[in-house]
Amino acid sequence: MRNVDEKIASYLDLPFAEGIVVVDVVKDSPSDKIGLKKYDIIKKVNGKNATKSSEIQKKVSEMKPGDEIYFEIFRNGKNVNIKGKLGEKPQTTD
């Protein structure tokens, strides 16, 4: 995720320069299962404005697996609301 600035807004041809852009979604990840897609612009999380990617990461880290999460996103020129349950954080191995 990255904060939307004027450069990103211009590149993605957005009518605004705010929110958080999803730069990648890993297949079968919790984000994928909730329905987030590459280049979605997250405008709100659980009803609160999303202005910095670090804020979203903090909000999500304070939640538990199974908690409901709501996103207001901008996709393909329109606002879309999606919701889902927070998934387990993927385990990594060396």
PDB file of N, CA and C in Angstrom:
ATOM      1  N   MET A   1       0.838  -1.175   0.000  1.00  0.00           N
ATOM      2  CA  MET A   1       0.000   0.000   0.000  1.00  0.00           C
ATOM      3  C   MET A   1       0.884   1.239   0.000  1.00  0.00           C
ATOM      4  N   ARG A   2       0.389   2.275  -0.660  1.00  0.00           N
ATOM      5  CA  ARG A   2       1.100   3.558  -0.672  1.00  0.00           C
ATOM      6  C   ARG A   2       0.089   4.680  -0.549  1.00  0.00           C
ATOM      7  N   ASN A   3       0.514   5.759   0.063  1.00  0.00           N
ATOM      8  CA  ASN A   3      -0.328   6.935   0.155  1.00  0.00           C
ATOM      9  C   ASN A   3      -0.506   7.530  -1.244  1.00  0.00           C
ATOM     10  N   VAL A   4      -1.719   7.932  -1.567  1.00  0.00           N
ATOM     11  CA  VAL A   4      -1.967   8.573  -2.859  1.00  0.00           C
ATOM     12  C   VAL A   4      -1.493  10.018  -2.774  1.00  0.00           C
ATOM     13  N   ASP A   5      -0.621  10.392  -3.704  1.00  0.00           N
ATOM     14  CA  ASP A   5      -0.180  11.775  -3.816  1.00  0.00           C
ATOM     15  C   ASP A   5      -0.506  12.255  -5.233  1.00  0.00           C
ATOM     16  N   GLU A   6      -0.117  13.457  -5.571  1.00  0.00           N
ATOM     17  CA  GLU A   6      -0.435  14.018  -6.897  1.00  0.00           C
ATOM     18  C   GLU A   6       0.135  13.151  -8.029  1.00  0.00           C
ATOM     19  N   LYS A   7       1.336  12.640  -7.851  1.00  0.00           N
ATOM     20  CA  LYS A   7       1.984  11.826  -8.882  1.00  0.00           C
ATOM     21  C   LYS A   7       1.200  10.528  -9.116  1.00  0.00           C
ATOM     22  N   ILE A   8       0.832   9.848  -8.039  1.00  0.00           N
ATOM     23  CA  ILE A   8       0.059   8.607  -8.165  1.00  0.00           C
ATOM     24  C   ILE A   8      -1.317   8.893  -8.737  1.00  0.00           C
ATOM     25  N   ALA A   9      -1.947   9.968  -8.262  1.00  0.00           N
ATOM     26  CA  ALA A   9      -3.275  10.336  -8.772  1.00  0.00           C
ATOM     27  C   ALA A   9      -3.221  10.583 -10.273  1.00  0.00           C
ATOM     28  N   SER A  10      -2.181  11.252 -10.739  1.00  0.00           N
ATOM     29  CA  SER A  10      -2.030  11.517 -12.170  1.00  0.00           C
ATOM     30  C   SER A  10      -1.800  10.216 -12.945  1.00  0.00           C
ATOM     31  N   TYR A  11      -0.920   9.370 -12.437  1.00  0.00           N
ATOM     32  CA  TYR A  11      -0.611   8.095 -13.095  1.00  0.00           C
ATOM     33  C   TYR A  11      -1.860   7.221 -13.237  1.00  0.00           C
ATOM     34  N   LEU A  12      -2.689   7.190 -12.181  1.00  0.00           N
ATOM     35  CA  LEU A  12      -3.891   6.351 -12.189  1.00  0.00           C
ATOM     36  C   LEU A  12      -5.119   7.099 -12.723  1.00  0.00           C
ATOM     37  N   ASP A  13      -4.914   8.353 -13.148  1.00  0.00           N
ATOM     38  CA  ASP A  13      -5.993   9.186 -13.673  1.00  0.00           C
ATOM     39  C   ASP A  13      -7.147   9.300 -12.681  1.00  0.00           C
ATOM     40  N   LEU A  14      -6.797   9.601 -11.436  1.00  0.00           N
ATOM     41  CA  LEU A  14      -7.802   9.737 -10.377  1.00  0.00           C
ATOM     42  C   LEU A  14      -8.315  11.175 -10.320  1.00  0.00           C
ATOM     43  N   PRO A  15      -9.578  11.363  -9.936  1.00  0.00           N
ATOM     44  CA  PRO A  15     -10.121  12.717  -9.808  1.00  0.00           C
ATOM     45  C   PRO A  15      -9.764  13.370  -8.468  1.00  0.00           C
ATOM     46  N   PHE A  16      -8.922  12.720  -7.672  1.00  0.00           N
ATOM     47  CA  PHE A  16      -8.534  13.218  -6.357  1.00  0.00           C
ATOM     48  C   PHE A  16      -7.151  12.676  -6.009  1.00  0.00           C
ATOM     49  N   ALA A  17      -6.515  13.306  -5.018  1.00  0.00           N
ATOM     50  CA  ALA A  17      -5.183  12.861  -4.578  1.00  0.00           C
ATOM     51  C   ALA A  17      -5.230  12.568  -3.085  1.00  0.00           C
ATOM     52  N   GLU A  18      -6.016  11.562  -2.733  1.00  0.00           N
ATOM     53  CA  GLU A  18      -6.125  11.171  -1.326  1.00  0.00           C
ATOM     54  C   GLU A  18      -6.452   9.692  -1.239  1.00  0.00           C
ATOM     55  N   GLY A  19      -6.224   9.115  -0.086  1.00  0.00           N
ATOM     56  CA  GLY A  19      -6.487   7.697   0.136  1.00  0.00           C
ATOM     57  C   GLY A  19      -5.215   6.880   0.044  1.00  0.00           C
ATOM     58  N   ILE A  20      -5.413   5.574  -0.009  1.00  0.00           N
ATOM     59  CA  ILE A  20      -4.301   4.626  -0.046  1.00  0.00           C
ATOM     60  C   ILE A  20      -4.485   3.715  -1.261  1.00  0.00           C
ATOM     61  N   VAL A  21      -3.460   3.607  -2.082  1.00  0.00           N
ATOM     62  CA  VAL A  21      -3.546   2.733  -3.252  1.00  0.00           C
ATOM     63  C   VAL A  21      -2.990   1.355  -2.890  1.00  0.00           C
ATOM     64  N   VAL A  22      -3.714   0.329  -3.306  1.00  0.00           N
ATOM     65  CA  VAL A  22      -3.259  -1.052  -3.141  1.00  0.00           C
ATOM     66  C   VAL A  22      -2.343  -1.337  -4.329  1.00  0.00           C
ATOM     67  N   VAL A  23      -1.078  -1.579  -4.064  1.00  0.00           N
ATOM     68  CA  VAL A  23      -0.127  -1.787  -5.156  1.00  0.00           C
ATOM     69  C   VAL A  23       0.004  -3.247  -5.563  1.00  0.00           C
ATOM     70  N   ASP A  24      -0.397  -4.152  -4.699  1.00  0.00           N
ATOM     71  CA  ASP A  24      -0.340  -5.567  -5.050  1.00  0.00           C
ATOM     72  C   ASP A  24      -1.209  -6.350  -4.072  1.00  0.00           C
ATOM     73  N   VAL A  25      -1.784  -7.426  -4.546  1.00  0.00           N
ATOM     74  CA  VAL A  25      -2.555  -8.333  -3.699  1.00  0.00           C
ATOM     75  C   VAL A  25      -2.061  -9.745  -3.976  1.00  0.00           C
ATOM     76  N   VAL A  26      -1.590 -10.401  -2.946  1.00  0.00           N
ATOM     77  CA  VAL A  26      -1.078 -11.765  -3.075  1.00  0.00           C
ATOM     78  C   VAL A  26      -2.265 -12.726  -3.187  1.00  0.00           C
ATOM     79  N   LYS A  27      -2.205 -13.612  -4.171  1.00  0.00           N
ATOM     80  CA  LYS A  27      -3.271 -14.595  -4.375  1.00  0.00           C
ATOM     81  C   LYS A  27      -3.500 -15.402  -3.101  1.00  0.00           C
ATOM     82  N   ASP A  28      -4.760 -15.566  -2.744  1.00  0.00           N
ATOM     83  CA  ASP A  28      -5.208 -16.329  -1.572  1.00  0.00           C
ATOM     84  C   ASP A  28      -4.823 -15.690  -0.231  1.00  0.00           C
ATOM     85  N   SER A  29      -4.350 -14.444  -0.255  1.00  0.00           N
ATOM     86  CA  SER A  29      -4.045 -13.733   0.997  1.00  0.00           C
ATOM     87  C   SER A  29      -5.348 -13.239   1.611  1.00  0.00           C
ATOM     88  N   PRO A  30      -5.320 -12.818   2.880  1.00  0.00           N
ATOM     89  CA  PRO A  30      -6.532 -12.252   3.480  1.00  0.00           C
ATOM     90  C   PRO A  30      -7.109 -11.081   2.668  1.00  0.00           C
ATOM     91  N   SER A  31      -6.242 -10.225   2.119  1.00  0.00           N
ATOM     92  CA  SER A  31      -6.718  -9.100   1.298  1.00  0.00           C
ATOM     93  C   SER A  31      -7.432  -9.588   0.045  1.00  0.00           C
ATOM     94  N   ASP A  32      -6.891 -10.625  -0.586  1.00  0.00           N
ATOM     95  CA  ASP A  32      -7.506 -11.218  -1.768  1.00  0.00           C
ATOM     96  C   ASP A  32      -8.868 -11.819  -1.420  1.00  0.00           C
ATOM     97  N   LYS A  33      -8.937 -12.512  -0.307  1.00  0.00           N
ATOM     98  CA  LYS A  33     -10.187 -13.161   0.095  1.00  0.00           C
ATOM     99  C   LYS A  33     -11.277 -12.150   0.443  1.00  0.00           C
ATOM    100  N   ILE A  34     -10.891 -10.984   0.984  1.00  0.00           N
ATOM    101  CA  ILE A  34     -11.868  -9.940   1.282  1.00  0.00           C
ATOM    102  C   ILE A  34     -12.363  -9.290  -0.007  1.00  0.00           C
ATOM    103  N   GLY A  35     -11.512  -9.256  -1.029  1.00  0.00           N
ATOM    104  CA  GLY A  35     -11.928  -8.696  -2.312  1.00  0.00           C
ATOM    105  C   GLY A  35     -11.162  -7.474  -2.766  1.00  0.00           C
ATOM    106  N   LEU A  36     -10.079  -7.121  -2.062  1.00  0.00           N
ATOM    107  CA  LEU A  36      -9.265  -6.001  -2.524  1.00  0.00           C
ATOM    108  C   LEU A  36      -8.528  -6.393  -3.794  1.00  0.00           C
ATOM    109  N   LYS A  37      -8.363  -5.414  -4.686  1.00  0.00           N
ATOM    110  CA  LYS A  37      -7.690  -5.658  -5.958  1.00  0.00           C
ATOM    111  C   LYS A  37      -6.597  -4.620  -6.164  1.00  0.00           C
ATOM    112  N   LYS A  38      -5.625  -4.981  -6.998  1.00  0.00           N
ATOM    113  CA  LYS A  38      -4.537  -4.076  -7.337  1.00  0.00           C
ATOM    114  C   LYS A  38      -5.116  -2.771  -7.882  1.00  0.00           C
ATOM    115  N   TYR A  39      -4.596  -1.661  -7.420  1.00  0.00           N
ATOM    116  CA  TYR A  39      -4.971  -0.292  -7.779  1.00  0.00           C
ATOM    117  C   TYR A  39      -6.304   0.166  -7.194  1.00  0.00           C
ATOM    118  N   ASP A  40      -6.912  -0.615  -6.296  1.00  0.00           N
ATOM    119  CA  ASP A  40      -8.039  -0.078  -5.528  1.00  0.00           C
ATOM    120  C   ASP A  40      -7.504   1.082  -4.696  1.00  0.00           C
ATOM    121  N   ILE A  41      -8.343   2.084  -4.515  1.00  0.00           N
ATOM    122  CA  ILE A  41      -7.992   3.205  -3.648  1.00  0.00           C
ATOM    123  C   ILE A  41      -8.841   3.072  -2.391  1.00  0.00           C
ATOM    124  N   ILE A  42      -8.205   2.819  -1.271  1.00  0.00           N
ATOM    125  CA  ILE A  42      -8.922   2.694  -0.003  1.00  0.00           C
ATOM    126  C   ILE A  42      -9.185   4.100   0.517  1.00  0.00           C
ATOM    127  N   LYS A  43     -10.475   4.407   0.685  1.00  0.00           N
ATOM    128  CA  LYS A  43     -10.871   5.728   1.180  1.00  0.00           C
ATOM    129  C   LYS A  43     -11.227   5.686   2.663  1.00  0.00           C
ATOM    130  N   LYS A  44     -11.850   4.588   3.101  1.00  0.00           N
ATOM    131  CA  LYS A  44     -12.238   4.452   4.507  1.00  0.00           C
ATOM    132  C   LYS A  44     -12.061   3.006   4.951  1.00  0.00           C
ATOM    133  N   VAL A  45     -11.720   2.850   6.228  1.00  0.00           N
ATOM    134  CA  VAL A  45     -11.648   1.537   6.864  1.00  0.00           C
ATOM    135  C   VAL A  45     -12.516   1.612   8.113  1.00  0.00           C
ATOM    136  N   ASN A  46     -13.506   0.726   8.175  1.00  0.00           N
ATOM    137  CA  ASN A  46     -14.443   0.708   9.306  1.00  0.00           C
ATOM    138  C   ASN A  46     -15.030   2.091   9.580  1.00  0.00           C
ATOM    139  N   GLY A  47     -15.345   2.811   8.498  1.00  0.00           N
ATOM    140  CA  GLY A  47     -16.002   4.107   8.606  1.00  0.00           C
ATOM    141  C   GLY A  47     -15.091   5.288   8.866  1.00  0.00           C
ATOM    142  N   LYS A  48     -13.808   5.050   9.014  1.00  0.00           N
ATOM    143  CA  LYS A  48     -12.864   6.141   9.276  1.00  0.00           C
ATOM    144  C   LYS A  48     -12.007   6.402   8.044  1.00  0.00           C
ATOM    145  N   ASN A  49     -11.774   7.691   7.750  1.00  0.00           N
ATOM    146  CA  ASN A  49     -10.983   8.070   6.589  1.00  0.00           C
ATOM    147  C   ASN A  49      -9.603   7.429   6.622  1.00  0.00           C
ATOM    148  N   ALA A  50      -9.169   6.970   5.468  1.00  0.00           N
ATOM    149  CA  ALA A  50      -7.841   6.381   5.316  1.00  0.00           C
ATOM    150  C   ALA A  50      -6.945   7.404   4.638  1.00  0.00           C
ATOM    151  N   THR A  51      -6.023   7.956   5.395  1.00  0.00           N
ATOM    152  CA  THR A  51      -5.152   8.980   4.832  1.00  0.00           C
ATOM    153  C   THR A  51      -3.698   8.524   4.721  1.00  0.00           C
ATOM    154  N   LYS A  52      -3.298   7.556   5.540  1.00  0.00           N
ATOM    155  CA  LYS A  52      -1.921   7.059   5.509  1.00  0.00           C
ATOM    156  C   LYS A  52      -1.933   5.540   5.619  1.00  0.00           C
ATOM    157  N   SER A  53      -1.068   4.897   4.842  1.00  0.00           N
ATOM    158  CA  SER A  53      -1.006   3.435   4.881  1.00  0.00           C
ATOM    159  C   SER A  53      -0.632   2.933   6.276  1.00  0.00           C
ATOM    160  N   SER A  54       0.197   3.691   6.982  1.00  0.00           N
ATOM    161  CA  SER A  54       0.589   3.275   8.335  1.00  0.00           C
ATOM    162  C   SER A  54      -0.614   3.237   9.274  1.00  0.00           C
ATOM    163  N   GLU A  55      -1.594   4.128   9.063  1.00  0.00           N
ATOM    164  CA  GLU A  55      -2.802   4.126   9.889  1.00  0.00           C
ATOM    165  C   GLU A  55      -3.618   2.857   9.655  1.00  0.00           C
ATOM    166  N   ILE A  56      -3.715   2.442   8.402  1.00  0.00           N
ATOM    167  CA  ILE A  56      -4.460   1.216   8.082  1.00  0.00           C
ATOM    168  C   ILE A  56      -3.770   0.024   8.717  1.00  0.00           C
ATOM    169  N   GLN A  57      -2.462  -0.049   8.580  1.00  0.00           N
ATOM    170  CA  GLN A  57      -1.720  -1.161   9.158  1.00  0.00           C
ATOM    171  C   GLN A  57      -1.903  -1.213  10.668  1.00  0.00           C
ATOM    172  N   LYS A  58      -1.933  -0.044  11.307  1.00  0.00           N
ATOM    173  CA  LYS A  58      -2.127   0.011  12.753  1.00  0.00           C
ATOM    174  C   LYS A  58      -3.528  -0.471  13.123  1.00  0.00           C
ATOM    175  N   LYS A  59      -4.549   0.008  12.392  1.00  0.00           N
ATOM    176  CA  LYS A  59      -5.930  -0.399  12.673  1.00  0.00           C
ATOM    177  C   LYS A  59      -6.081  -1.908  12.536  1.00  0.00           C
ATOM    178  N   VAL A  60      -5.533  -2.457  11.466  1.00  0.00           N
ATOM    179  CA  VAL A  60      -5.652  -3.893  11.224  1.00  0.00           C
ATOM    180  C   VAL A  60      -4.894  -4.685  12.282  1.00  0.00           C
ATOM    181  N   SER A  61      -3.725  -4.193  12.695  1.00  0.00           N
ATOM    182  CA  SER A  61      -2.941  -4.925  13.699  1.00  0.00           C
ATOM    183  C   SER A  61      -3.641  -4.955  15.062  1.00  0.00           C
ATOM    184  N   GLU A  62      -4.531  -3.996  15.313  1.00  0.00           N
ATOM    185  CA  GLU A  62      -5.272  -3.961  16.573  1.00  0.00           C
ATOM    186  C   GLU A  62      -6.491  -4.887  16.558  1.00  0.00           C
ATOM    187  N   MET A  63      -6.805  -5.422  15.388  1.00  0.00           N
ATOM    188  CA  MET A  63      -7.956  -6.312  15.259  1.00  0.00           C
ATOM    189  C   MET A  63      -7.509  -7.760  15.400  1.00  0.00           C
ATOM    190  N   LYS A  64      -8.495  -8.642  15.614  1.00  0.00           N
ATOM    191  CA  LYS A  64      -8.211 -10.071  15.753  1.00  0.00           C
ATOM    192  C   LYS A  64      -8.749 -10.820  14.533  1.00  0.00           C
ATOM    193  N   PRO A  65      -8.142 -11.965  14.187  1.00  0.00           N
ATOM    194  CA  PRO A  65      -8.699 -12.786  13.119  1.00  0.00           C
ATOM    195  C   PRO A  65     -10.172 -13.080  13.408  1.00  0.00           C
ATOM    196  N   GLY A  66     -10.985 -12.940  12.380  1.00  0.00           N
ATOM    197  CA  GLY A  66     -12.411 -13.174  12.526  1.00  0.00           C
ATOM    198  C   GLY A  66     -13.213 -11.893  12.726  1.00  0.00           C
ATOM    199  N   ASP A  67     -12.545 -10.776  13.115  1.00  0.00           N
ATOM    200  CA  ASP A  67     -13.238  -9.494  13.244  1.00  0.00           C
ATOM    201  C   ASP A  67     -13.698  -9.033  11.858  1.00  0.00           C
ATOM    202  N   GLU A  68     -14.865  -8.399  11.806  1.00  0.00           N
ATOM    203  CA  GLU A  68     -15.348  -7.856  10.540  1.00  0.00           C
ATOM    204  C   GLU A  68     -14.624  -6.557  10.225  1.00  0.00           C
ATOM    205  N   ILE A  69     -14.317  -6.372   8.943  1.00  0.00           N
ATOM    206  CA  ILE A  69     -13.653  -5.161   8.484  1.00  0.00           C
ATOM    207  C   ILE A  69     -14.404  -4.659   7.255  1.00  0.00           C
ATOM    208  N   TYR A  70     -14.568  -3.344   7.188  1.00  0.00           N
ATOM    209  CA  TYR A  70     -15.297  -2.706   6.097  1.00  0.00           C
ATOM    210  C   TYR A  70     -14.377  -1.728   5.385  1.00  0.00           C
ATOM    211  N   PHE A  71     -14.410  -1.752   4.073  1.00  0.00           N
ATOM    212  CA  PHE A  71     -13.628  -0.822   3.271  1.00  0.00           C
ATOM    213  C   PHE A  71     -14.549  -0.050   2.345  1.00  0.00           C
ATOM    214  N   GLU A  72     -14.312   1.254   2.240  1.00  0.00           N
ATOM    215  CA  GLU A  72     -14.894   2.038   1.152  1.00  0.00           C
ATOM    216  C   GLU A  72     -13.739   2.288   0.204  1.00  0.00           C
ATOM    217  N   ILE A  73     -13.884   1.800  -1.016  1.00  0.00           N
ATOM    218  CA  ILE A  73     -12.803   1.930  -1.987  1.00  0.00           C
ATOM    219  C   ILE A  73     -13.313   2.621  -3.245  1.00  0.00           C
ATOM    220  N   PHE A  74     -12.371   3.123  -4.024  1.00  0.00           N
ATOM    221  CA  PHE A  74     -12.651   3.711  -5.330  1.00  0.00           C
ATOM    222  C   PHE A  74     -12.053   2.755  -6.345  1.00  0.00           C
ATOM    223  N   ARG A  75     -12.913   2.206  -7.211  1.00  0.00           N
ATOM    224  CA  ARG A  75     -12.479   1.225  -8.200  1.00  0.00           C
ATOM    225  C   ARG A  75     -13.197   1.494  -9.525  1.00  0.00           C
ATOM    226  N   ASN A  76     -12.435   1.575 -10.596  1.00  0.00           N
ATOM    227  CA  ASN A  76     -13.003   1.769 -11.934  1.00  0.00           C
ATOM    228  C   ASN A  76     -13.973   2.949 -12.002  1.00  0.00           C
ATOM    229  N   GLY A  77     -13.590   4.061 -11.364  1.00  0.00           N
ATOM    230  CA  GLY A  77     -14.370   5.275 -11.465  1.00  0.00           C
ATOM    231  C   GLY A  77     -15.569   5.395 -10.543  1.00  0.00           C
ATOM    232  N   LYS A  78     -15.729   4.442  -9.622  1.00  0.00           N
ATOM    233  CA  LYS A  78     -16.858   4.562  -8.697  1.00  0.00           C
ATOM    234  C   LYS A  78     -16.503   4.045  -7.313  1.00  0.00           C
ATOM    235  N   ASN A  79     -17.281   4.520  -6.333  1.00  0.00           N
ATOM    236  CA  ASN A  79     -17.090   4.068  -4.954  1.00  0.00           C
ATOM    237  C   ASN A  79     -17.739   2.706  -4.773  1.00  0.00           C
ATOM    238  N   VAL A  80     -17.038   1.839  -4.066  1.00  0.00           N
ATOM    239  CA  VAL A  80     -17.498   0.474  -3.817  1.00  0.00           C
ATOM    240  C   VAL A  80     -17.286   0.185  -2.331  1.00  0.00           C
ATOM    241  N   ASN A  81     -18.249  -0.476  -1.715  1.00  0.00           N
ATOM    242  CA  ASN A  81     -18.107  -0.906  -0.323  1.00  0.00           C
ATOM    243  C   ASN A  81     -17.895  -2.413  -0.308  1.00  0.00           C
ATOM    244  N   ILE A  82     -16.877  -2.842   0.419  1.00  0.00           N
ATOM    245  CA  ILE A  82     -16.650  -4.278   0.576  1.00  0.00           C
ATOM    246  C   ILE A  82     -16.448  -4.564   2.059  1.00  0.00           C
ATOM    247  N   LYS A  83     -16.805  -5.758   2.448  1.00  0.00           N
ATOM    248  CA  LYS A  83     -16.593  -6.158   3.831  1.00  0.00           C
ATOM    249  C   LYS A  83     -16.206  -7.621   3.865  1.00  0.00           C
ATOM    250  N   GLY A  84     -15.583  -7.982   4.941  1.00  0.00           N
ATOM    251  CA  GLY A  84     -15.179  -9.365   5.120  1.00  0.00           C
ATOM    252  C   GLY A  84     -14.677  -9.560   6.533  1.00  0.00           C
ATOM    253  N   LYS A  85     -14.208 -10.744   6.775  1.00  0.00           N
ATOM    254  CA  LYS A  85     -13.640 -11.062   8.083  1.00  0.00           C
ATOM    255  C   LYS A  85     -12.127 -11.073   7.948  1.00  0.00           C
ATOM    256  N   LEU A  86     -11.507 -10.508   8.954  1.00  0.00           N
ATOM    257  CA  LEU A  86     -10.057 -10.462   8.973  1.00  0.00           C
ATOM    258  C   LEU A  86      -9.512 -11.883   9.053  1.00  0.00           C
ATOM    259  N   GLY A  87      -8.586 -12.199   8.184  1.00  0.00           N
ATOM    260  CA  GLY A  87      -8.009 -13.544   8.157  1.00  0.00           C
ATOM    261  C   GLY A  87      -6.784 -13.651   9.023  1.00  0.00           C
ATOM    262  N   GLU A  88      -6.295 -14.857   9.132  1.00  0.00           N
ATOM    263  CA  GLU A  88      -5.065 -15.121   9.857  1.00  0.00           C
ATOM    264  C   GLU A  88      -3.901 -14.507   9.093  1.00  0.00           C
ATOM    265  N   LYS A  89      -2.946 -13.992   9.811  1.00  0.00           N
ATOM    266  CA  LYS A  89      -1.738 -13.477   9.197  1.00  0.00           C
ATOM    267  C   LYS A  89      -0.957 -14.670   8.624  1.00  0.00           C
ATOM    268  N   PRO A  90      -0.521 -14.579   7.368  1.00  0.00           N
ATOM    269  CA  PRO A  90       0.226 -15.706   6.784  1.00  0.00           C
ATOM    270  C   PRO A  90       1.477 -16.017   7.580  1.00  0.00           C
ATOM    271  N   GLN A  91       1.761 -17.294   7.739  1.00  0.00           N
ATOM    272  CA  GLN A  91       2.979 -17.734   8.407  1.00  0.00           C
ATOM    273  C   GLN A  91       4.104 -17.776   7.403  1.00  0.00           C
ATOM    274  N   THR A  92       5.277 -17.356   7.812  1.00  0.00           N
ATOM    275  CA  THR A  92       6.434 -17.419   6.928  1.00  0.00           C
ATOM    276  C   THR A  92       7.434 -18.418   7.492  1.00  0.00           C
ATOM    277  N   THR A  93       8.136 -19.080   6.598  1.00  0.00           N
ATOM    278  CA  THR A  93       9.178 -20.013   7.014  1.00  0.00           C
ATOM    279  C   THR A  93      10.456 -19.673   6.292  1.00  0.00           C
ATOM    280  N   ASP A  94      11.563 -20.013   6.913  1.00  0.00           N
ATOM    281  CA  ASP A  94      12.871 -19.747   6.294  1.00  0.00           C
ATOM    282  C   ASP A  94      13.331 -20.915   5.479  1.00  0.00           C
TER     283      ASP A  94
END
